[in-house]
N, C-alpha and C. Protein backbone atom coordinates (compact mmCIF):
# COMPACT_ATOMS: atom_id res chain seq x y z
N MET A 1 96.55 124.06 102.72
CA MET A 1 96.35 123.05 101.68
C MET A 1 96.16 121.69 102.34
N ALA A 2 95.31 120.87 101.76
CA ALA A 2 95.01 119.55 102.30
C ALA A 2 96.24 118.65 102.27
N GLU A 3 96.35 117.79 103.29
CA GLU A 3 97.42 116.80 103.36
C GLU A 3 96.81 115.41 103.40
N ALA A 4 97.48 114.46 102.76
CA ALA A 4 97.02 113.07 102.74
C ALA A 4 97.17 112.47 104.13
N ASN A 5 96.12 111.78 104.57
CA ASN A 5 96.12 111.15 105.88
C ASN A 5 95.50 109.77 105.80
N PHE A 6 95.64 109.03 106.89
CA PHE A 6 95.06 107.70 107.02
C PHE A 6 93.58 107.75 106.63
N GLY A 7 93.16 106.83 105.78
CA GLY A 7 91.77 106.76 105.34
C GLY A 7 91.48 107.50 104.04
N ASN A 8 92.39 108.39 103.61
CA ASN A 8 92.19 109.10 102.35
C ASN A 8 92.47 108.19 101.16
N THR A 9 91.71 108.39 100.10
CA THR A 9 92.00 107.75 98.83
C THR A 9 92.77 108.77 98.01
N VAL A 10 93.91 108.35 97.48
CA VAL A 10 94.81 109.27 96.78
C VAL A 10 95.16 108.74 95.40
N LYS A 11 95.60 109.66 94.53
CA LYS A 11 96.15 109.31 93.22
C LYS A 11 97.60 109.77 93.20
N VAL A 12 98.50 108.87 92.80
CA VAL A 12 99.92 109.19 92.78
C VAL A 12 100.60 108.68 91.51
N HIS A 13 101.66 109.37 91.15
CA HIS A 13 102.63 108.84 90.20
C HIS A 13 103.83 108.41 91.02
N TYR A 14 104.53 107.36 90.56
CA TYR A 14 105.67 106.85 91.32
C TYR A 14 106.68 106.21 90.38
N ALA A 15 107.91 106.11 90.88
CA ALA A 15 108.96 105.33 90.22
C ALA A 15 109.72 104.61 91.31
N VAL A 16 109.83 103.29 91.19
CA VAL A 16 110.56 102.46 92.15
C VAL A 16 111.92 102.12 91.55
N LYS A 17 112.99 102.49 92.29
CA LYS A 17 114.35 102.25 91.80
C LYS A 17 115.10 101.33 92.73
N LEU A 18 115.97 100.51 92.13
CA LEU A 18 116.86 99.64 92.88
C LEU A 18 118.14 100.40 93.21
N ASP A 19 119.01 99.79 94.02
CA ASP A 19 120.24 100.46 94.43
C ASP A 19 121.15 100.83 93.26
N ASP A 20 121.07 100.09 92.17
CA ASP A 20 121.91 100.41 90.99
C ASP A 20 121.24 101.44 90.07
N SER A 21 120.18 102.08 90.56
CA SER A 21 119.40 103.12 89.85
C SER A 21 118.49 102.56 88.75
N THR A 22 118.42 101.25 88.61
CA THR A 22 117.49 100.64 87.66
C THR A 22 116.06 100.94 88.10
N VAL A 23 115.24 101.41 87.17
CA VAL A 23 113.83 101.65 87.48
C VAL A 23 113.10 100.32 87.34
N PHE A 24 112.60 99.80 88.46
CA PHE A 24 111.89 98.52 88.47
C PHE A 24 110.45 98.69 88.00
N ASP A 25 109.83 99.80 88.40
CA ASP A 25 108.43 100.04 88.05
C ASP A 25 108.18 101.54 88.10
N SER A 26 107.35 102.02 87.19
CA SER A 26 107.00 103.44 87.17
C SER A 26 105.66 103.62 86.46
N ASN A 27 104.91 104.62 86.90
CA ASN A 27 103.67 104.94 86.20
C ASN A 27 103.64 106.42 85.80
N PHE A 28 104.80 107.06 85.73
CA PHE A 28 104.84 108.48 85.40
C PHE A 28 104.29 108.78 84.01
N ASN A 29 104.34 107.85 83.09
CA ASN A 29 103.78 108.06 81.75
C ASN A 29 102.45 107.34 81.57
N LEU A 30 101.85 106.93 82.69
CA LEU A 30 100.60 106.18 82.66
C LEU A 30 99.57 106.85 83.56
N GLU A 31 98.45 106.20 83.73
CA GLU A 31 97.44 106.69 84.66
C GLU A 31 97.99 106.63 86.09
N PRO A 32 97.61 107.57 86.94
CA PRO A 32 98.06 107.51 88.34
C PRO A 32 97.51 106.27 89.05
N LEU A 33 98.24 105.83 90.05
CA LEU A 33 97.81 104.76 90.92
C LEU A 33 96.84 105.35 91.95
N THR A 34 95.71 104.70 92.14
CA THR A 34 94.73 105.12 93.14
C THR A 34 94.70 104.08 94.25
N PHE A 35 94.85 104.52 95.51
CA PHE A 35 94.77 103.60 96.64
C PHE A 35 94.29 104.36 97.87
N THR A 36 93.83 103.60 98.86
CA THR A 36 93.36 104.18 100.11
C THR A 36 94.41 103.93 101.19
N ILE A 37 94.87 104.99 101.81
CA ILE A 37 95.90 104.89 102.85
C ILE A 37 95.32 104.14 104.05
N GLY A 38 96.02 103.09 104.45
CA GLY A 38 95.60 102.31 105.61
C GLY A 38 94.99 100.96 105.28
N LEU A 39 94.70 100.71 104.01
CA LEU A 39 94.10 99.43 103.64
C LEU A 39 95.13 98.38 103.22
N GLY A 40 96.41 98.74 103.22
CA GLY A 40 97.45 97.79 102.85
C GLY A 40 97.48 97.46 101.37
N GLN A 41 97.02 98.36 100.53
CA GLN A 41 97.00 98.13 99.08
C GLN A 41 98.36 98.34 98.44
N VAL A 42 99.26 99.03 99.13
CA VAL A 42 100.63 99.25 98.67
C VAL A 42 101.56 98.88 99.82
N ILE A 43 102.85 98.79 99.55
CA ILE A 43 103.79 98.43 100.61
C ILE A 43 103.78 99.49 101.72
N PRO A 44 104.04 99.08 102.96
CA PRO A 44 103.96 100.01 104.09
C PRO A 44 104.81 101.27 103.95
N GLY A 45 106.04 101.15 103.47
CA GLY A 45 106.91 102.31 103.33
C GLY A 45 106.39 103.33 102.34
N PHE A 46 105.76 102.88 101.28
CA PHE A 46 105.16 103.76 100.28
C PHE A 46 103.98 104.49 100.90
N GLU A 47 103.13 103.74 101.57
CA GLU A 47 101.95 104.31 102.20
C GLU A 47 102.34 105.39 103.21
N GLN A 48 103.33 105.10 104.06
CA GLN A 48 103.78 106.06 105.06
C GLN A 48 104.35 107.32 104.42
N ALA A 49 105.03 107.16 103.30
CA ALA A 49 105.64 108.31 102.62
C ALA A 49 104.59 109.28 102.09
N VAL A 50 103.45 108.78 101.70
CA VAL A 50 102.39 109.63 101.14
C VAL A 50 101.69 110.46 102.22
N ILE A 51 101.65 109.92 103.45
CA ILE A 51 100.99 110.65 104.55
C ILE A 51 101.70 111.99 104.75
N GLY A 52 100.90 113.05 104.78
CA GLY A 52 101.43 114.40 104.98
C GLY A 52 101.73 115.15 103.69
N MET A 53 101.68 114.46 102.57
CA MET A 53 101.91 115.13 101.28
C MET A 53 100.66 115.90 100.86
N SER A 54 100.86 116.98 100.12
CA SER A 54 99.77 117.77 99.56
C SER A 54 99.73 117.56 98.05
N PRO A 55 98.55 117.69 97.43
CA PRO A 55 98.47 117.55 95.98
C PRO A 55 99.46 118.48 95.28
N GLY A 56 100.14 117.93 94.26
CA GLY A 56 101.11 118.71 93.50
C GLY A 56 102.53 118.62 94.03
N THR A 57 102.71 118.02 95.23
CA THR A 57 104.05 117.90 95.78
C THR A 57 104.69 116.58 95.38
N SER A 58 106.02 116.57 95.43
CA SER A 58 106.79 115.37 95.10
C SER A 58 107.82 115.13 96.20
N LYS A 59 108.23 113.89 96.33
CA LYS A 59 109.32 113.56 97.25
C LYS A 59 109.97 112.26 96.81
N THR A 60 111.19 112.08 97.28
CA THR A 60 111.92 110.84 97.08
C THR A 60 112.19 110.25 98.45
N VAL A 61 111.85 108.97 98.63
CA VAL A 61 112.05 108.31 99.91
C VAL A 61 112.85 107.02 99.73
N ARG A 62 113.56 106.67 100.77
CA ARG A 62 114.28 105.41 100.83
C ARG A 62 113.45 104.48 101.69
N VAL A 63 113.10 103.30 101.16
CA VAL A 63 112.26 102.35 101.88
C VAL A 63 113.08 101.07 102.10
N SER A 64 113.24 100.70 103.37
CA SER A 64 114.00 99.48 103.69
C SER A 64 113.20 98.25 103.26
N SER A 65 113.89 97.15 103.07
CA SER A 65 113.22 95.92 102.66
C SER A 65 112.14 95.51 103.66
N ASP A 66 112.36 95.82 104.95
CA ASP A 66 111.36 95.48 105.97
C ASP A 66 110.05 96.24 105.77
N GLU A 67 110.12 97.44 105.17
CA GLU A 67 108.93 98.25 104.92
C GLU A 67 108.48 98.13 103.46
N ALA A 68 109.11 97.21 102.73
CA ALA A 68 108.77 96.99 101.32
C ALA A 68 108.22 95.56 101.17
N TYR A 69 109.03 94.66 100.64
CA TYR A 69 108.57 93.29 100.39
C TYR A 69 109.15 92.27 101.35
N GLY A 70 109.77 92.75 102.42
CA GLY A 70 110.29 91.86 103.46
C GLY A 70 111.63 91.28 103.10
N PRO A 71 112.19 90.51 104.04
CA PRO A 71 113.50 89.91 103.81
C PRO A 71 113.42 88.76 102.81
N TYR A 72 114.56 88.44 102.21
CA TYR A 72 114.64 87.29 101.31
C TYR A 72 114.64 86.03 102.18
N ASN A 73 113.76 85.08 101.87
CA ASN A 73 113.61 83.87 102.66
C ASN A 73 114.10 82.66 101.86
N LYS A 74 115.24 82.11 102.26
CA LYS A 74 115.82 80.96 101.55
C LYS A 74 114.90 79.74 101.57
N GLU A 75 114.00 79.68 102.55
CA GLU A 75 113.06 78.55 102.65
C GLU A 75 112.02 78.57 101.53
N LEU A 76 111.93 79.69 100.80
CA LEU A 76 110.98 79.80 99.70
C LEU A 76 111.60 79.39 98.36
N VAL A 77 112.80 78.80 98.43
CA VAL A 77 113.46 78.25 97.24
C VAL A 77 113.39 76.74 97.37
N SER A 78 112.90 76.08 96.31
CA SER A 78 112.77 74.62 96.37
C SER A 78 113.00 74.00 95.01
N GLU A 79 113.36 72.73 95.05
CA GLU A 79 113.51 71.95 93.82
C GLU A 79 112.24 71.16 93.58
N VAL A 80 111.83 71.12 92.32
CA VAL A 80 110.61 70.43 91.94
C VAL A 80 110.96 69.43 90.85
N ASP A 81 110.37 68.25 90.92
CA ASP A 81 110.58 67.24 89.89
C ASP A 81 110.04 67.77 88.58
N ARG A 82 110.83 67.68 87.53
CA ARG A 82 110.43 68.18 86.22
C ARG A 82 109.15 67.51 85.72
N LYS A 83 108.88 66.30 86.20
CA LYS A 83 107.69 65.57 85.79
C LYS A 83 106.40 66.25 86.26
N GLU A 84 106.52 67.22 87.17
CA GLU A 84 105.34 67.96 87.65
C GLU A 84 104.80 68.92 86.58
N PHE A 85 105.57 69.12 85.52
CA PHE A 85 105.22 70.05 84.46
C PHE A 85 105.02 69.29 83.15
N PRO A 86 104.30 69.89 82.20
CA PRO A 86 104.14 69.23 80.89
C PRO A 86 105.50 68.91 80.27
N ALA A 87 105.61 67.76 79.63
CA ALA A 87 106.87 67.28 79.07
C ALA A 87 107.47 68.24 78.05
N ASP A 88 106.64 68.97 77.31
CA ASP A 88 107.14 69.86 76.26
C ASP A 88 107.40 71.29 76.76
N PHE A 89 107.24 71.52 78.07
CA PHE A 89 107.44 72.87 78.60
C PHE A 89 108.92 73.22 78.60
N LYS A 90 109.26 74.38 78.06
CA LYS A 90 110.65 74.84 77.98
C LYS A 90 110.94 75.80 79.12
N PHE A 91 111.89 75.45 79.97
CA PHE A 91 112.28 76.29 81.10
C PHE A 91 113.51 77.09 80.76
N GLU A 92 113.57 78.33 81.28
CA GLU A 92 114.75 79.18 81.14
C GLU A 92 115.04 79.83 82.48
N VAL A 93 116.31 79.90 82.86
CA VAL A 93 116.70 80.57 84.09
C VAL A 93 116.25 82.03 84.01
N GLY A 94 115.61 82.52 85.07
CA GLY A 94 115.09 83.89 85.10
C GLY A 94 113.63 83.99 84.69
N GLN A 95 113.11 82.93 84.12
CA GLN A 95 111.71 82.91 83.67
C GLN A 95 110.77 82.99 84.88
N HIS A 96 109.65 83.68 84.71
CA HIS A 96 108.63 83.78 85.75
C HIS A 96 107.47 82.87 85.39
N LEU A 97 107.02 82.09 86.36
CA LEU A 97 105.92 81.15 86.15
C LEU A 97 104.78 81.46 87.12
N GLN A 98 103.57 81.24 86.68
CA GLN A 98 102.42 81.29 87.58
C GLN A 98 102.02 79.85 87.86
N ILE A 99 102.07 79.47 89.13
CA ILE A 99 101.76 78.11 89.51
C ILE A 99 100.39 78.08 90.18
N PRO A 100 99.44 77.32 89.61
CA PRO A 100 98.08 77.27 90.17
C PRO A 100 98.09 76.77 91.61
N GLN A 101 97.19 77.33 92.43
CA GLN A 101 97.05 76.96 93.84
C GLN A 101 95.60 76.62 94.15
N GLY A 102 94.98 75.79 93.35
CA GLY A 102 93.58 75.45 93.57
C GLY A 102 92.70 76.66 93.33
N PHE A 103 91.91 77.03 94.34
CA PHE A 103 90.99 78.16 94.21
C PHE A 103 91.66 79.48 94.59
N GLU A 104 92.88 79.43 95.12
CA GLU A 104 93.59 80.64 95.52
C GLU A 104 94.28 81.27 94.32
N GLN A 105 94.78 82.48 94.53
CA GLN A 105 95.52 83.19 93.49
C GLN A 105 96.79 82.40 93.15
N PRO A 106 97.16 82.33 91.87
CA PRO A 106 98.36 81.57 91.50
C PRO A 106 99.60 82.14 92.19
N MET A 107 100.56 81.27 92.44
CA MET A 107 101.82 81.65 93.06
C MET A 107 102.80 82.02 91.94
N LEU A 108 103.51 83.13 92.11
CA LEU A 108 104.52 83.53 91.13
C LEU A 108 105.85 82.95 91.55
N ALA A 109 106.53 82.29 90.64
CA ALA A 109 107.83 81.68 90.91
C ALA A 109 108.83 82.09 89.83
N THR A 110 110.09 82.20 90.24
CA THR A 110 111.18 82.49 89.31
C THR A 110 112.03 81.24 89.18
N VAL A 111 112.37 80.86 87.95
CA VAL A 111 113.21 79.70 87.71
C VAL A 111 114.66 80.09 87.98
N LEU A 112 115.31 79.38 88.93
CA LEU A 112 116.70 79.66 89.27
C LEU A 112 117.68 78.71 88.61
N ASN A 113 117.24 77.45 88.41
CA ASN A 113 118.14 76.45 87.84
C ASN A 113 117.30 75.39 87.12
N VAL A 114 117.87 74.84 86.05
CA VAL A 114 117.18 73.82 85.26
C VAL A 114 118.13 72.66 85.03
N SER A 115 117.69 71.44 85.37
CA SER A 115 118.46 70.25 85.03
C SER A 115 117.50 69.28 84.34
N GLU A 116 118.02 68.14 83.91
CA GLU A 116 117.15 67.18 83.23
C GLU A 116 116.05 66.66 84.15
N ALA A 117 116.34 66.53 85.45
CA ALA A 117 115.38 65.92 86.37
C ALA A 117 114.66 66.92 87.25
N ARG A 118 115.28 68.10 87.55
CA ARG A 118 114.71 69.00 88.54
C ARG A 118 114.75 70.46 88.09
N ILE A 119 113.81 71.21 88.62
CA ILE A 119 113.73 72.66 88.39
C ILE A 119 113.82 73.33 89.76
N THR A 120 114.68 74.32 89.89
CA THR A 120 114.77 75.07 91.15
C THR A 120 113.94 76.34 90.99
N LEU A 121 112.96 76.50 91.90
CA LEU A 121 112.03 77.63 91.85
C LEU A 121 112.17 78.49 93.11
N ASP A 122 112.02 79.78 92.93
CA ASP A 122 112.06 80.76 94.01
C ASP A 122 110.71 81.47 94.04
N ILE A 123 110.00 81.37 95.17
CA ILE A 123 108.69 82.03 95.25
C ILE A 123 108.75 83.33 96.08
N ASN A 124 109.96 83.79 96.41
CA ASN A 124 110.09 85.11 97.02
C ASN A 124 109.63 86.16 96.02
N HIS A 125 109.11 87.29 96.52
CA HIS A 125 108.82 88.41 95.63
C HIS A 125 110.14 88.85 95.00
N PRO A 126 110.16 89.25 93.73
CA PRO A 126 111.42 89.67 93.08
C PRO A 126 112.14 90.79 93.83
N LEU A 127 111.44 91.57 94.65
CA LEU A 127 112.09 92.66 95.39
C LEU A 127 112.32 92.31 96.86
N ALA A 128 112.08 91.07 97.26
CA ALA A 128 112.33 90.67 98.64
C ALA A 128 113.81 90.87 98.97
N GLY A 129 114.07 91.44 100.15
CA GLY A 129 115.43 91.66 100.60
C GLY A 129 116.08 92.90 100.02
N LYS A 130 115.38 93.65 99.22
CA LYS A 130 115.96 94.83 98.57
C LYS A 130 115.40 96.12 99.18
N ASP A 131 116.31 97.06 99.46
CA ASP A 131 115.89 98.40 99.83
C ASP A 131 115.56 99.14 98.54
N LEU A 132 114.58 100.03 98.60
CA LEU A 132 114.09 100.71 97.40
C LEU A 132 114.17 102.22 97.57
N THR A 133 114.34 102.91 96.46
CA THR A 133 114.20 104.36 96.42
C THR A 133 112.95 104.63 95.58
N ILE A 134 112.03 105.42 96.13
CA ILE A 134 110.77 105.66 95.43
C ILE A 134 110.55 107.16 95.26
N ASP A 135 110.36 107.57 94.01
CA ASP A 135 109.96 108.94 93.69
C ASP A 135 108.44 108.95 93.68
N ILE A 136 107.84 109.88 94.44
CA ILE A 136 106.38 109.94 94.55
C ILE A 136 105.91 111.36 94.23
N GLN A 137 104.86 111.44 93.42
CA GLN A 137 104.19 112.72 93.16
C GLN A 137 102.72 112.52 93.50
N LEU A 138 102.23 113.28 94.49
CA LEU A 138 100.82 113.20 94.86
C LEU A 138 100.01 114.05 93.88
N ILE A 139 99.12 113.41 93.15
CA ILE A 139 98.31 114.10 92.14
C ILE A 139 97.04 114.68 92.76
N GLU A 140 96.34 113.84 93.56
CA GLU A 140 95.03 114.25 94.05
C GLU A 140 94.66 113.47 95.31
N ILE A 141 93.95 114.13 96.22
CA ILE A 141 93.33 113.47 97.35
C ILE A 141 91.83 113.40 97.04
N LEU A 142 91.29 112.19 96.94
CA LEU A 142 89.89 112.04 96.53
C LEU A 142 88.94 112.12 97.71
N LEU A 143 89.31 111.56 98.83
CA LEU A 143 88.42 111.56 100.00
C LEU A 143 89.18 112.04 101.22
């Protein structure tokens, strides 16, 4: 039976779980994710886990933060003057914001703290610094 290897385009179902068993993301009830192994379209630990799998097989892997979204970087937390935002904008702790970056893709930030004068924003990926457990089912190898 064929096995997924570097350069193959594959279709998979997956569920990403945190240490407390919370499912952060899953596509088991949706269309499979299609990606090409080796192009960096998914996190390195996920990509490596798919290598060697055959269509119809499933596995559960533990992916360290280094092979997922990297370590949490305290330097990516900053305070911003509230005047940088529209006066009527309502901030809430935990809220996710897309901050324009000129012609580049917007930066995703999480609101950590709100005061009258300043907003504390975190631009780390929400899963930075977290080890993940991922359930993977290989549906198909396309190429």
